[in-house]
Amino acid sequence: MQALGFFAYPESSPIVTDAILGAVELSKGEALTLQPWQRMRVIGFKVDDLVRSHINEAAVLIADITYPNPNVFYEIGFAIAVENRLFLRLT
């Protein structure tokens, strides 16, 4: 069975975004498929039920904290609150 990893990160750095989206593409068909928040079309500071639902359904939340971002920090806190696995990435 294929597991889902939800990838949370700020969009402020094109280099970080490109690296993460490259990893997402490489994960297709692997044991852990990565899903970035961008594929959900959630824009700006809005953190809604869709994001929380994806974090709940994911086997792990992977969060890039290279650049401070309120949405990413919220998603980390939510993952901790629902006792989801968490992997923090700092580039």
PDB file of N, CA and C in Angstrom:
ATOM      1  N   MET A   1       0.846  -1.184   0.000  1.00  0.00           N
ATOM      2  CA  MET A   1       0.000   0.000   0.000  1.00  0.00           C
ATOM      3  C   MET A   1       0.891   1.245   0.000  1.00  0.00           C
ATOM      4  N   GLN A   2       0.520   2.207  -0.792  1.00  0.00           N
ATOM      5  CA  GLN A   2       1.291   3.441  -0.925  1.00  0.00           C
ATOM      6  C   GLN A   2       0.873   4.448   0.143  1.00  0.00           C
ATOM      7  N   ALA A   3       1.856   5.036   0.827  1.00  0.00           N
ATOM      8  CA  ALA A   3       1.592   6.025   1.866  1.00  0.00           C
ATOM      9  C   ALA A   3       1.736   7.431   1.288  1.00  0.00           C
ATOM     10  N   LEU A   4       1.059   8.367   1.914  1.00  0.00           N
ATOM     11  CA  LEU A   4       1.093   9.762   1.485  1.00  0.00           C
ATOM     12  C   LEU A   4       1.882  10.591   2.482  1.00  0.00           C
ATOM     13  N   GLY A   5       2.795  11.405   1.971  1.00  0.00           N
ATOM     14  CA  GLY A   5       3.510  12.374   2.787  1.00  0.00           C
ATOM     15  C   GLY A   5       3.098  13.772   2.355  1.00  0.00           C
ATOM     16  N   PHE A   6       2.559  14.551   3.272  1.00  0.00           N
ATOM     17  CA  PHE A   6       2.140  15.916   2.953  1.00  0.00           C
ATOM     18  C   PHE A   6       3.325  16.849   3.171  1.00  0.00           C
ATOM     19  N   PHE A   7       3.658  17.656   2.176  1.00  0.00           N
ATOM     20  CA  PHE A   7       4.828  18.530   2.224  1.00  0.00           C
ATOM     21  C   PHE A   7       4.380  19.972   2.398  1.00  0.00           C
ATOM     22  N   ALA A   8       4.724  20.577   3.540  1.00  0.00           N
ATOM     23  CA  ALA A   8       4.382  21.972   3.835  1.00  0.00           C
ATOM     24  C   ALA A   8       5.645  22.821   3.726  1.00  0.00           C
ATOM     25  N   TYR A   9       5.540  23.939   3.039  1.00  0.00           N
ATOM     26  CA  TYR A   9       6.696  24.828   2.867  1.00  0.00           C
ATOM     27  C   TYR A   9       6.209  26.182   2.362  1.00  0.00           C
ATOM     28  N   PRO A  10       6.990  27.238   2.635  1.00  0.00           N
ATOM     29  CA  PRO A  10       6.627  28.550   2.095  1.00  0.00           C
ATOM     30  C   PRO A  10       7.063  28.640   0.636  1.00  0.00           C
ATOM     31  N   GLU A  11       6.355  29.426  -0.102  1.00  0.00           N
ATOM     32  CA  GLU A  11       6.652  29.566  -1.528  1.00  0.00           C
ATOM     33  C   GLU A  11       7.621  30.720  -1.797  1.00  0.00           C
ATOM     34  N   SER A  12       8.226  31.272  -0.772  1.00  0.00           N
ATOM     35  CA  SER A  12       9.030  32.486  -0.911  1.00  0.00           C
ATOM     36  C   SER A  12      10.367  32.289  -1.619  1.00  0.00           C
ATOM     37  N   SER A  13      10.884  31.068  -1.668  1.00  0.00           N
ATOM     38  CA  SER A  13      12.173  30.823  -2.307  1.00  0.00           C
ATOM     39  C   SER A  13      12.005  29.900  -3.507  1.00  0.00           C
ATOM     40  N   PRO A  14      12.266  30.405  -4.724  1.00  0.00           N
ATOM     41  CA  PRO A  14      12.151  29.551  -5.902  1.00  0.00           C
ATOM     42  C   PRO A  14      13.083  28.337  -5.860  1.00  0.00           C
ATOM     43  N   ILE A  15      14.247  28.480  -5.264  1.00  0.00           N
ATOM     44  CA  ILE A  15      15.194  27.359  -5.200  1.00  0.00           C
ATOM     45  C   ILE A  15      14.629  26.243  -4.320  1.00  0.00           C
ATOM     46  N   VAL A  16      14.095  26.611  -3.156  1.00  0.00           N
ATOM     47  CA  VAL A  16      13.501  25.619  -2.261  1.00  0.00           C
ATOM     48  C   VAL A  16      12.279  24.987  -2.919  1.00  0.00           C
ATOM     49  N   THR A  17      11.416  25.815  -3.501  1.00  0.00           N
ATOM     50  CA  THR A  17      10.211  25.309  -4.160  1.00  0.00           C
ATOM     51  C   THR A  17      10.567  24.339  -5.282  1.00  0.00           C
ATOM     52  N   ASP A  18      11.530  24.694  -6.120  1.00  0.00           N
ATOM     53  CA  ASP A  18      11.934  23.810  -7.218  1.00  0.00           C
ATOM     54  C   ASP A  18      12.467  22.483  -6.696  1.00  0.00           C
ATOM     55  N   ALA A  19      13.260  22.525  -5.628  1.00  0.00           N
ATOM     56  CA  ALA A  19      13.805  21.292  -5.049  1.00  0.00           C
ATOM     57  C   ALA A  19      12.690  20.407  -4.507  1.00  0.00           C
ATOM     58  N   ILE A  20      11.740  21.009  -3.814  1.00  0.00           N
ATOM     59  CA  ILE A  20      10.635  20.237  -3.241  1.00  0.00           C
ATOM     60  C   ILE A  20       9.754  19.651  -4.338  1.00  0.00           C
ATOM     61  N   LEU A  21       9.430  20.451  -5.343  1.00  0.00           N
ATOM     62  CA  LEU A  21       8.594  19.933  -6.430  1.00  0.00           C
ATOM     63  C   LEU A  21       9.316  18.844  -7.212  1.00  0.00           C
ATOM     64  N   GLY A  22      10.645  18.934  -7.296  1.00  0.00           N
ATOM     65  CA  GLY A  22      11.431  17.857  -7.916  1.00  0.00           C
ATOM     66  C   GLY A  22      11.328  16.574  -7.104  1.00  0.00           C
ATOM     67  N   ALA A  23      11.400  16.686  -5.793  1.00  0.00           N
ATOM     68  CA  ALA A  23      11.256  15.516  -4.917  1.00  0.00           C
ATOM     69  C   ALA A  23       9.852  14.923  -5.032  1.00  0.00           C
ATOM     70  N   VAL A  24       8.849  15.781  -5.162  1.00  0.00           N
ATOM     71  CA  VAL A  24       7.470  15.316  -5.322  1.00  0.00           C
ATOM     72  C   VAL A  24       7.360  14.473  -6.593  1.00  0.00           C
ATOM     73  N   GLU A  25       7.933  14.946  -7.677  1.00  0.00           N
ATOM     74  CA  GLU A  25       7.885  14.201  -8.937  1.00  0.00           C
ATOM     75  C   GLU A  25       8.601  12.858  -8.824  1.00  0.00           C
ATOM     76  N   LEU A  26       9.734  12.839  -8.150  1.00  0.00           N
ATOM     77  CA  LEU A  26      10.492  11.597  -7.973  1.00  0.00           C
ATOM     78  C   LEU A  26       9.765  10.597  -7.091  1.00  0.00           C
ATOM     79  N   SER A  27       8.881  11.080  -6.223  1.00  0.00           N
ATOM     80  CA  SER A  27       8.192  10.188  -5.283  1.00  0.00           C
ATOM     81  C   SER A  27       7.034   9.429  -5.916  1.00  0.00           C
ATOM     82  N   LYS A  28       6.603   9.825  -7.101  1.00  0.00           N
ATOM     83  CA  LYS A  28       5.466   9.167  -7.740  1.00  0.00           C
ATOM     84  C   LYS A  28       5.779   7.694  -7.969  1.00  0.00           C
ATOM     85  N   GLY A  29       4.876   6.840  -7.501  1.00  0.00           N
ATOM     86  CA  GLY A  29       5.041   5.406  -7.664  1.00  0.00           C
ATOM     87  C   GLY A  29       5.920   4.761  -6.601  1.00  0.00           C
ATOM     88  N   GLU A  30       6.462   5.542  -5.684  1.00  0.00           N
ATOM     89  CA  GLU A  30       7.294   5.003  -4.607  1.00  0.00           C
ATOM     90  C   GLU A  30       6.416   4.647  -3.404  1.00  0.00           C
ATOM     91  N   ALA A  31       7.031   4.063  -2.384  1.00  0.00           N
ATOM     92  CA  ALA A  31       6.289   3.663  -1.184  1.00  0.00           C
ATOM     93  C   ALA A  31       5.669   4.866  -0.479  1.00  0.00           C
ATOM     94  N   LEU A  32       6.340   6.019  -0.548  1.00  0.00           N
ATOM     95  CA  LEU A  32       5.819   7.253   0.046  1.00  0.00           C
ATOM     96  C   LEU A  32       5.693   8.296  -1.060  1.00  0.00           C
ATOM     97  N   THR A  33       4.465   8.629  -1.408  1.00  0.00           N
ATOM     98  CA  THR A  33       4.212   9.649  -2.415  1.00  0.00           C
ATOM     99  C   THR A  33       4.040  10.989  -1.708  1.00  0.00           C
ATOM    100  N   LEU A  34       4.776  11.987  -2.163  1.00  0.00           N
ATOM    101  CA  LEU A  34       4.713  13.313  -1.554  1.00  0.00           C
ATOM    102  C   LEU A  34       3.656  14.174  -2.241  1.00  0.00           C
ATOM    103  N   GLN A  35       2.921  14.910  -1.447  1.00  0.00           N
ATOM    104  CA  GLN A  35       1.932  15.844  -1.980  1.00  0.00           C
ATOM    105  C   GLN A  35       2.223  17.225  -1.415  1.00  0.00           C
ATOM    106  N   PRO A  36       2.490  18.205  -2.279  1.00  0.00           N
ATOM    107  CA  PRO A  36       2.697  19.569  -1.798  1.00  0.00           C
ATOM    108  C   PRO A  36       1.363  20.296  -1.635  1.00  0.00           C
ATOM    109  N   TRP A  37       1.349  21.284  -0.780  1.00  0.00           N
ATOM    110  CA  TRP A  37       0.123  22.067  -0.560  1.00  0.00           C
ATOM    111  C   TRP A  37      -0.320  22.776  -1.836  1.00  0.00           C
ATOM    112  N   GLN A  38       0.611  23.077  -2.730  1.00  0.00           N
ATOM    113  CA  GLN A  38       0.252  23.819  -3.953  1.00  0.00           C
ATOM    114  C   GLN A  38      -0.754  23.076  -4.812  1.00  0.00           C
ATOM    115  N   ARG A  39      -0.763  21.784  -4.749  1.00  0.00           N
ATOM    116  CA  ARG A  39      -1.683  21.007  -5.571  1.00  0.00           C
ATOM    117  C   ARG A  39      -3.127  21.156  -5.101  1.00  0.00           C
ATOM    118  N   MET A  40      -3.309  21.747  -3.922  1.00  0.00           N
ATOM    119  CA  MET A  40      -4.656  21.942  -3.392  1.00  0.00           C
ATOM    120  C   MET A  40      -5.204  23.324  -3.724  1.00  0.00           C
ATOM    121  N   ARG A  41      -4.385  24.185  -4.259  1.00  0.00           N
ATOM    122  CA  ARG A  41      -4.773  25.543  -4.640  1.00  0.00           C
ATOM    123  C   ARG A  41      -5.254  26.375  -3.443  1.00  0.00           C
ATOM    124  N   VAL A  42      -4.579  26.234  -2.312  1.00  0.00           N
ATOM    125  CA  VAL A  42      -4.850  27.059  -1.137  1.00  0.00           C
ATOM    126  C   VAL A  42      -3.887  28.232  -1.200  1.00  0.00           C
ATOM    127  N   ILE A  43      -4.424  29.458  -1.174  1.00  0.00           N
ATOM    128  CA  ILE A  43      -3.604  30.633  -1.429  1.00  0.00           C
ATOM    129  C   ILE A  43      -3.512  31.507  -0.183  1.00  0.00           C
ATOM    130  N   GLY A  44      -2.340  32.098   0.027  1.00  0.00           N
ATOM    131  CA  GLY A  44      -2.156  33.102   1.071  1.00  0.00           C
ATOM    132  C   GLY A  44      -2.200  32.543   2.475  1.00  0.00           C
ATOM    133  N   PHE A  45      -2.807  33.297   3.366  1.00  0.00           N
ATOM    134  CA  PHE A  45      -2.829  32.942   4.773  1.00  0.00           C
ATOM    135  C   PHE A  45      -4.009  32.056   5.143  1.00  0.00           C
ATOM    136  N   LYS A  46      -4.779  31.606   4.170  1.00  0.00           N
ATOM    137  CA  LYS A  46      -5.950  30.783   4.468  1.00  0.00           C
ATOM    138  C   LYS A  46      -5.523  29.338   4.737  1.00  0.00           C
ATOM    139  N   VAL A  47      -5.751  28.882   5.958  1.00  0.00           N
ATOM    140  CA  VAL A  47      -5.523  27.484   6.317  1.00  0.00           C
ATOM    141  C   VAL A  47      -6.895  26.916   6.638  1.00  0.00           C
ATOM    142  N   ASP A  48      -7.394  26.038   5.784  1.00  0.00           N
ATOM    143  CA  ASP A  48      -8.778  25.594   5.946  1.00  0.00           C
ATOM    144  C   ASP A  48      -8.886  24.096   6.200  1.00  0.00           C
ATOM    145  N   ASP A  49     -10.103  23.612   6.183  1.00  0.00           N
ATOM    146  CA  ASP A  49     -10.373  22.201   6.449  1.00  0.00           C
ATOM    147  C   ASP A  49      -9.660  21.276   5.467  1.00  0.00           C
ATOM    148  N   LEU A  50      -9.466  21.723   4.225  1.00  0.00           N
ATOM    149  CA  LEU A  50      -8.805  20.885   3.231  1.00  0.00           C
ATOM    150  C   LEU A  50      -7.365  20.581   3.641  1.00  0.00           C
ATOM    151  N   VAL A  51      -6.626  21.574   4.104  1.00  0.00           N
ATOM    152  CA  VAL A  51      -5.248  21.373   4.551  1.00  0.00           C
ATOM    153  C   VAL A  51      -5.230  20.443   5.758  1.00  0.00           C
ATOM    154  N   ARG A  52      -6.091  20.709   6.728  1.00  0.00           N
ATOM    155  CA  ARG A  52      -6.132  19.852   7.916  1.00  0.00           C
ATOM    156  C   ARG A  52      -6.500  18.425   7.549  1.00  0.00           C
ATOM    157  N   SER A  53      -7.406  18.257   6.618  1.00  0.00           N
ATOM    158  CA  SER A  53      -7.806  16.923   6.175  1.00  0.00           C
ATOM    159  C   SER A  53      -6.624  16.177   5.546  1.00  0.00           C
ATOM    160  N   HIS A  54      -5.853  16.876   4.710  1.00  0.00           N
ATOM    161  CA  HIS A  54      -4.695  16.242   4.079  1.00  0.00           C
ATOM    162  C   HIS A  54      -3.630  15.870   5.114  1.00  0.00           C
ATOM    163  N   ILE A  55      -3.444  16.703   6.108  1.00  0.00           N
ATOM    164  CA  ILE A  55      -2.478  16.383   7.168  1.00  0.00           C
ATOM    165  C   ILE A  55      -2.969  15.162   7.943  1.00  0.00           C
ATOM    166  N   ASN A  56      -4.250  15.098   8.244  1.00  0.00           N
ATOM    167  CA  ASN A  56      -4.815  13.943   8.945  1.00  0.00           C
ATOM    168  C   ASN A  56      -4.640  12.653   8.161  1.00  0.00           C
ATOM    169  N   GLU A  57      -4.816  12.714   6.848  1.00  0.00           N
ATOM    170  CA  GLU A  57      -4.748  11.525   6.003  1.00  0.00           C
ATOM    171  C   GLU A  57      -3.322  11.093   5.695  1.00  0.00           C
ATOM    172  N   ALA A  58      -2.371  11.996   5.846  1.00  0.00           N
ATOM    173  CA  ALA A  58      -0.981  11.691   5.494  1.00  0.00           C
ATOM    174  C   ALA A  58      -0.329  10.801   6.542  1.00  0.00           C
ATOM    175  N   ALA A  59       0.594   9.968   6.090  1.00  0.00           N
ATOM    176  CA  ALA A  59       1.375   9.135   7.007  1.00  0.00           C
ATOM    177  C   ALA A  59       2.403   9.986   7.742  1.00  0.00           C
ATOM    178  N   VAL A  60       2.809  11.082   7.124  1.00  0.00           N
ATOM    179  CA  VAL A  60       3.819  11.964   7.711  1.00  0.00           C
ATOM    180  C   VAL A  60       3.644  13.374   7.144  1.00  0.00           C
ATOM    181  N   LEU A  61       3.911  14.376   7.977  1.00  0.00           N
ATOM    182  CA  LEU A  61       3.980  15.760   7.511  1.00  0.00           C
ATOM    183  C   LEU A  61       5.461  16.114   7.398  1.00  0.00           C
ATOM    184  N   ILE A  62       5.867  16.530   6.236  1.00  0.00           N
ATOM    185  CA  ILE A  62       7.235  16.986   6.018  1.00  0.00           C
ATOM    186  C   ILE A  62       7.143  18.495   5.864  1.00  0.00           C
ATOM    187  N   ALA A  63       7.875  19.230   6.703  1.00  0.00           N
ATOM    188  CA  ALA A  63       7.778  20.686   6.690  1.00  0.00           C
ATOM    189  C   ALA A  63       9.152  21.306   6.506  1.00  0.00           C
ATOM    190  N   ASP A  64       9.271  22.164   5.502  1.00  0.00           N
ATOM    191  CA  ASP A  64      10.507  22.912   5.295  1.00  0.00           C
ATOM    192  C   ASP A  64      10.404  24.208   6.080  1.00  0.00           C
ATOM    193  N   ILE A  65      11.322  24.387   7.023  1.00  0.00           N
ATOM    194  CA  ILE A  65      11.293  25.567   7.884  1.00  0.00           C
ATOM    195  C   ILE A  65      12.492  26.478   7.625  1.00  0.00           C
ATOM    196  N   THR A  66      13.028  26.418   6.408  1.00  0.00           N
ATOM    197  CA  THR A  66      14.162  27.267   6.043  1.00  0.00           C
ATOM    198  C   THR A  66      13.813  28.734   6.234  1.00  0.00           C
ATOM    199  N   TYR A  67      12.612  29.116   5.814  1.00  0.00           N
ATOM    200  CA  TYR A  67      12.140  30.490   5.947  1.00  0.00           C
ATOM    201  C   TYR A  67      10.895  30.491   6.822  1.00  0.00           C
ATOM    202  N   PRO A  68      10.829  31.342   7.842  1.00  0.00           N
ATOM    203  CA  PRO A  68       9.657  31.378   8.728  1.00  0.00           C
ATOM    204  C   PRO A  68       8.375  31.653   7.941  1.00  0.00           C
ATOM    205  N   ASN A  69       7.319  30.905   8.277  1.00  0.00           N
ATOM    206  CA  ASN A  69       6.053  31.070   7.592  1.00  0.00           C
ATOM    207  C   ASN A  69       4.925  30.671   8.549  1.00  0.00           C
ATOM    208  N   PRO A  70       3.976  31.569   8.804  1.00  0.00           N
ATOM    209  CA  PRO A  70       2.886  31.265   9.743  1.00  0.00           C
ATOM    210  C   PRO A  70       2.077  30.033   9.357  1.00  0.00           C
ATOM    211  N   ASN A  71       1.804  29.839   8.075  1.00  0.00           N
ATOM    212  CA  ASN A  71       1.016  28.675   7.653  1.00  0.00           C
ATOM    213  C   ASN A  71       1.753  27.376   7.952  1.00  0.00           C
ATOM    214  N   VAL A  72       3.035  27.326   7.657  1.00  0.00           N
ATOM    215  CA  VAL A  72       3.821  26.119   7.914  1.00  0.00           C
ATOM    216  C   VAL A  72       3.883  25.842   9.415  1.00  0.00           C
ATOM    217  N   PHE A  73       4.072  26.885  10.216  1.00  0.00           N
ATOM    218  CA  PHE A  73       4.106  26.690  11.665  1.00  0.00           C
ATOM    219  C   PHE A  73       2.761  26.165  12.175  1.00  0.00           C
ATOM    220  N   TYR A  74       1.665  26.682  11.627  1.00  0.00           N
ATOM    221  CA  TYR A  74       0.336  26.187  11.999  1.00  0.00           C
ATOM    222  C   TYR A  74       0.208  24.704  11.650  1.00  0.00           C
ATOM    223  N   GLU A  75       0.642  24.337  10.436  1.00  0.00           N
ATOM    224  CA  GLU A  75       0.530  22.950   9.983  1.00  0.00           C
ATOM    225  C   GLU A  75       1.371  22.015  10.850  1.00  0.00           C
ATOM    226  N   ILE A  76       2.538  22.466  11.293  1.00  0.00           N
ATOM    227  CA  ILE A  76       3.371  21.677  12.203  1.00  0.00           C
ATOM    228  C   ILE A  76       2.627  21.477  13.526  1.00  0.00           C
ATOM    229  N   GLY A  77       2.077  22.559  14.070  1.00  0.00           N
ATOM    230  CA  GLY A  77       1.325  22.469  15.327  1.00  0.00           C
ATOM    231  C   GLY A  77       0.121  21.559  15.205  1.00  0.00           C
ATOM    232  N   PHE A  78      -0.580  21.642  14.082  1.00  0.00           N
ATOM    233  CA  PHE A  78      -1.745  20.785  13.874  1.00  0.00           C
ATOM    234  C   PHE A  78      -1.326  19.324  13.808  1.00  0.00           C
ATOM    235  N   ALA A  79      -0.236  19.029  13.088  1.00  0.00           N
ATOM    236  CA  ALA A  79       0.257  17.647  12.992  1.00  0.00           C
ATOM    237  C   ALA A  79       0.623  17.106  14.370  1.00  0.00           C
ATOM    238  N   ILE A  80       1.240  17.937  15.196  1.00  0.00           N
ATOM    239  CA  ILE A  80       1.578  17.520  16.559  1.00  0.00           C
ATOM    240  C   ILE A  80       0.306  17.247  17.353  1.00  0.00           C
ATOM    241  N   ALA A  81      -0.689  18.121  17.212  1.00  0.00           N
ATOM    242  CA  ALA A  81      -1.938  17.989  17.969  1.00  0.00           C
ATOM    243  C   ALA A  81      -2.687  16.703  17.619  1.00  0.00           C
ATOM    244  N   VAL A  82      -2.647  16.297  16.358  1.00  0.00           N
ATOM    245  CA  VAL A  82      -3.349  15.069  15.950  1.00  0.00           C
ATOM    246  C   VAL A  82      -2.427  13.854  15.990  1.00  0.00           C
ATOM    247  N   GLU A  83      -1.239  14.047  16.563  1.00  0.00           N
ATOM    248  CA  GLU A  83      -0.259  12.979  16.757  1.00  0.00           C
ATOM    249  C   GLU A  83       0.163  12.316  15.453  1.00  0.00           C
ATOM    250  N   ASN A  84       0.355  13.143  14.431  1.00  0.00           N
ATOM    251  CA  ASN A  84       0.864  12.657  13.152  1.00  0.00           C
ATOM    252  C   ASN A  84       2.387  12.654  13.192  1.00  0.00           C
ATOM    253  N   ARG A  85       3.005  11.813  12.406  1.00  0.00           N
ATOM    254  CA  ARG A  85       4.457  11.821  12.298  1.00  0.00           C
ATOM    255  C   ARG A  85       4.885  13.123  11.661  1.00  0.00           C
ATOM    256  N   LEU A  86       6.067  13.584  12.034  1.00  0.00           N
ATOM    257  CA  LEU A  86       6.540  14.886  11.573  1.00  0.00           C
ATOM    258  C   LEU A  86       8.016  14.799  11.242  1.00  0.00           C
ATOM    259  N   PHE A  87       8.387  15.375  10.110  1.00  0.00           N
ATOM    260  CA  PHE A  87       9.784  15.469   9.715  1.00  0.00           C
ATOM    261  C   PHE A  87      10.052  16.910   9.325  1.00  0.00           C
ATOM    262  N   LEU A  88      10.961  17.573  10.048  1.00  0.00           N
ATOM    263  CA  LEU A  88      11.293  18.965   9.741  1.00  0.00           C
ATOM    264  C   LEU A  88      12.541  19.008   8.881  1.00  0.00           C
ATOM    265  N   ARG A  89      12.510  19.860   7.861  1.00  0.00           N
ATOM    266  CA  ARG A  89      13.608  19.983   6.934  1.00  0.00           C
ATOM    267  C   ARG A  89      14.081  21.431   6.944  1.00  0.00           C
ATOM    268  N   LEU A  90      15.379  21.607   7.098  1.00  0.00           N
ATOM    269  CA  LEU A  90      15.984  22.933   7.085  1.00  0.00           C
ATOM    270  C   LEU A  90      17.084  22.917   6.037  1.00  0.00           C
ATOM    271  N   THR A  91      16.969  23.783   5.024  1.00  0.00           N
ATOM    272  CA  THR A  91      17.988  23.790   3.973  1.00  0.00           C
ATOM    273  C   THR A  91      18.989  24.889   4.194  1.00  0.00           C
TER     274      THR A  91
END
